[in-house]
Protein backbone atom coordinates (compact mmCIF):
# COMPACT_ATOMS: atom_id res chain seq x y z
CA MET A 1 -95.25 -79.50 17.24
CA SER A 2 -93.07 -78.35 14.40
CA LYS A 3 -89.52 -77.14 14.83
CA VAL A 4 -90.74 -73.59 14.13
CA GLU A 5 -93.15 -73.71 17.08
CA ASP A 6 -90.41 -75.12 19.32
CA PHE A 7 -87.79 -72.53 18.32
CA LEU A 8 -89.07 -69.79 20.66
CA THR A 9 -91.62 -69.84 23.45
CA ALA A 10 -94.48 -67.32 23.34
CA LYS A 11 -92.70 -65.27 26.03
CA GLU A 12 -89.43 -65.35 24.07
CA GLU A 13 -91.29 -64.22 20.94
CA GLU A 14 -92.66 -61.24 22.91
CA GLN A 15 -89.14 -60.37 24.04
CA VAL A 16 -87.86 -60.49 20.45
CA VAL A 17 -90.72 -58.24 19.29
CA ASP A 18 -89.90 -55.86 22.18
CA ALA A 19 -86.29 -55.77 20.96
CA ILE A 20 -87.53 -54.84 17.47
CA ARG A 21 -89.59 -51.99 18.95
CA ILE A 22 -86.57 -50.75 20.92
CA ALA A 23 -84.26 -51.05 17.90
CA GLU A 24 -86.69 -49.13 15.67
CA LYS A 25 -87.52 -46.46 18.25
CA GLU A 26 -84.98 -43.91 16.99
CA THR A 27 -84.72 -44.89 13.33
CA SER A 28 -86.83 -44.96 10.20
CA GLY A 29 -85.35 -48.41 9.49
CA GLU A 30 -87.47 -51.55 9.62
CA ILE A 31 -86.42 -54.87 11.14
CA ARG A 32 -88.27 -58.16 10.74
CA VAL A 33 -87.65 -61.73 11.86
CA HIS A 34 -88.98 -64.63 9.81
CA ILE A 35 -88.79 -68.22 11.03
CA GLU A 36 -89.59 -71.29 8.98
CA ASN A 37 -88.74 -74.95 9.16
CA SER A 38 -86.54 -75.16 6.07
CA HIS A 39 -85.51 -73.24 2.99
CA GLY A 40 -85.99 -76.50 1.10
CA SER A 41 -84.04 -77.01 -2.10
CA THR A 42 -83.78 -73.25 -2.62
CA ASP A 43 -80.50 -71.59 -1.64
CA ILE A 44 -80.97 -69.94 1.77
CA PHE A 45 -79.93 -66.52 0.48
CA GLU A 46 -82.39 -66.82 -2.42
CA ARG A 47 -85.13 -67.89 0.00
CA SER A 48 -84.41 -64.93 2.29
CA MET A 49 -84.78 -62.59 -0.71
CA GLU A 50 -88.14 -64.23 -1.55
CA VAL A 51 -89.34 -63.76 2.04
CA PHE A 52 -88.04 -60.17 2.04
CA HIS A 53 -90.24 -59.51 -0.99
CA LEU A 54 -93.25 -61.45 0.37
CA LEU A 55 -93.12 -59.38 3.57
CA LYS A 56 -93.02 -56.23 1.40
CA MET A 57 -89.76 -55.20 3.02
CA ASP A 58 -88.53 -53.94 -0.34
CA ASN A 59 -91.28 -51.30 -0.26
CA THR A 60 -89.78 -49.19 2.53
CA GLN A 61 -89.34 -45.58 1.51
CA GLN A 62 -85.60 -45.41 2.24
CA LYS A 63 -84.77 -49.03 1.32
CA ASN A 64 -83.63 -49.59 4.89
CA GLY A 65 -85.27 -52.87 5.84
CA VAL A 66 -83.35 -55.67 7.57
CA LEU A 67 -84.60 -59.25 7.64
CA ILE A 68 -83.27 -61.95 9.93
CA TYR A 69 -84.37 -65.16 8.21
CA VAL A 70 -84.07 -68.42 10.18
CA ALA A 71 -84.47 -71.94 8.75
CA VAL A 72 -84.77 -73.97 11.95
CA ALA A 73 -84.41 -77.57 10.69
CA ASP A 74 -81.54 -76.52 8.42
CA ARG A 75 -79.80 -74.86 11.39
CA ASP A 76 -79.04 -71.82 9.27
CA PHE A 77 -79.93 -68.16 9.00
CA VAL A 78 -79.31 -65.09 6.86
CA ILE A 79 -79.33 -61.38 7.64
CA TYR A 80 -80.62 -59.59 4.57
CA GLY A 81 -80.39 -55.81 4.32
CA ASP A 82 -81.99 -53.71 1.60
CA LYS A 83 -79.95 -51.48 -0.72
CA GLY A 84 -80.28 -48.32 1.38
CA ILE A 85 -78.62 -49.83 4.42
CA ASN A 86 -76.15 -51.98 2.47
CA ASP A 87 -74.82 -48.84 0.79
CA VAL A 88 -73.90 -47.18 4.11
CA VAL A 89 -72.89 -49.81 6.67
CA PRO A 90 -69.23 -50.76 7.17
CA SER A 91 -68.16 -53.66 4.96
CA ASP A 92 -67.78 -56.04 7.93
CA PHE A 93 -71.06 -55.06 9.62
CA TRP A 94 -73.23 -57.98 8.50
CA GLU A 95 -70.48 -60.51 9.22
CA SER A 96 -69.90 -59.16 12.74
CA THR A 97 -73.66 -59.12 13.36
CA LYS A 98 -73.90 -62.71 12.12
CA ASP A 99 -71.04 -63.67 14.48
CA ALA A 100 -72.90 -62.15 17.43
CA ILE A 101 -75.99 -64.20 16.60
CA VAL A 102 -74.01 -67.41 16.01
CA ALA A 103 -72.28 -67.05 19.39
CA GLN A 104 -75.68 -67.28 21.10
CA PHE A 105 -77.22 -69.84 18.72
CA LYS A 106 -74.33 -72.27 19.32
CA ASN A 107 -75.31 -72.37 22.99
CA GLY A 108 -79.01 -72.81 22.22
CA ASN A 109 -79.78 -69.21 23.17
CA PHE A 110 -81.93 -68.51 20.13
CA LYS A 111 -83.91 -65.66 21.69
CA GLN A 112 -80.77 -63.86 22.82
CA GLY A 113 -79.08 -64.40 19.46
CA LEU A 114 -82.00 -62.76 17.68
CA ILE A 115 -82.12 -59.91 20.21
CA ASP A 116 -78.37 -59.29 19.88
CA GLY A 117 -78.66 -59.16 16.08
CA ILE A 118 -81.73 -56.92 16.18
CA LEU A 119 -80.16 -54.44 18.59
CA ARG A 120 -76.91 -54.28 16.56
CA ALA A 121 -78.92 -53.63 13.39
CA GLY A 122 -80.94 -50.97 15.22
CA THR A 123 -77.82 -49.17 16.39
CA GLU A 124 -76.45 -49.05 12.86
CA LEU A 125 -79.80 -47.99 11.39
CA ARG A 126 -79.98 -45.08 13.88
CA LYS A 127 -76.61 -43.80 12.66
CA HIS A 128 -77.65 -43.69 9.01
CA PHE A 129 -81.45 -43.40 9.16
CA PRO A 130 -82.37 -41.37 12.24
CA TRP A 131 -86.02 -41.08 13.24
CA SER A 132 -87.87 -37.90 12.32
CA GLU A 133 -91.33 -36.65 13.27
CA ASP A 134 -92.89 -37.69 9.97
CA ASP A 135 -91.64 -41.31 10.22
CA VAL A 136 -94.23 -44.05 10.27
CA ASP A 137 -93.69 -47.68 11.28
CA GLU A 138 -94.03 -49.10 7.76
CA LEU A 139 -93.96 -52.81 8.66
CA SER A 140 -95.23 -55.07 11.39
CA ASN A 141 -92.83 -55.86 14.22
CA ASN A 142 -94.31 -59.31 14.74
CA ILE A 143 -92.31 -62.42 13.93
CA SER A 144 -93.56 -64.01 10.72
CA LYS A 145 -93.52 -67.75 10.22
CA GLY A 146 -93.58 -69.94 7.17
């Protein structure tokens, strides 16, 4: 088994996807989680931007997509927010969200770290991009893997 397959159990993956559904319930924002073994020789931030584009997260109508990119073997991750959300969140938001995830990851609680980050992002998205009746779920909630 690869490190990606060992990162979360099938049940934990379901719980993370449920957290995405909950976080997106009252917002037009889109949250995705992508897990891969390594970002290789590419800078992790650059790789997260590539994945963001590959997942078509840059095509959301309000530019309010958030990607949590995890490189398992590298023991690293990035939270990447599109322009729409970056323009409105407090300047320390991504750092405090990253700290919440790291606190869980350090103890091996990968599922809970992802859930904590997802729910924090969802709360902030609701403030700036509230759900309206004409909103459509633009992107899959499933965890993608590379």
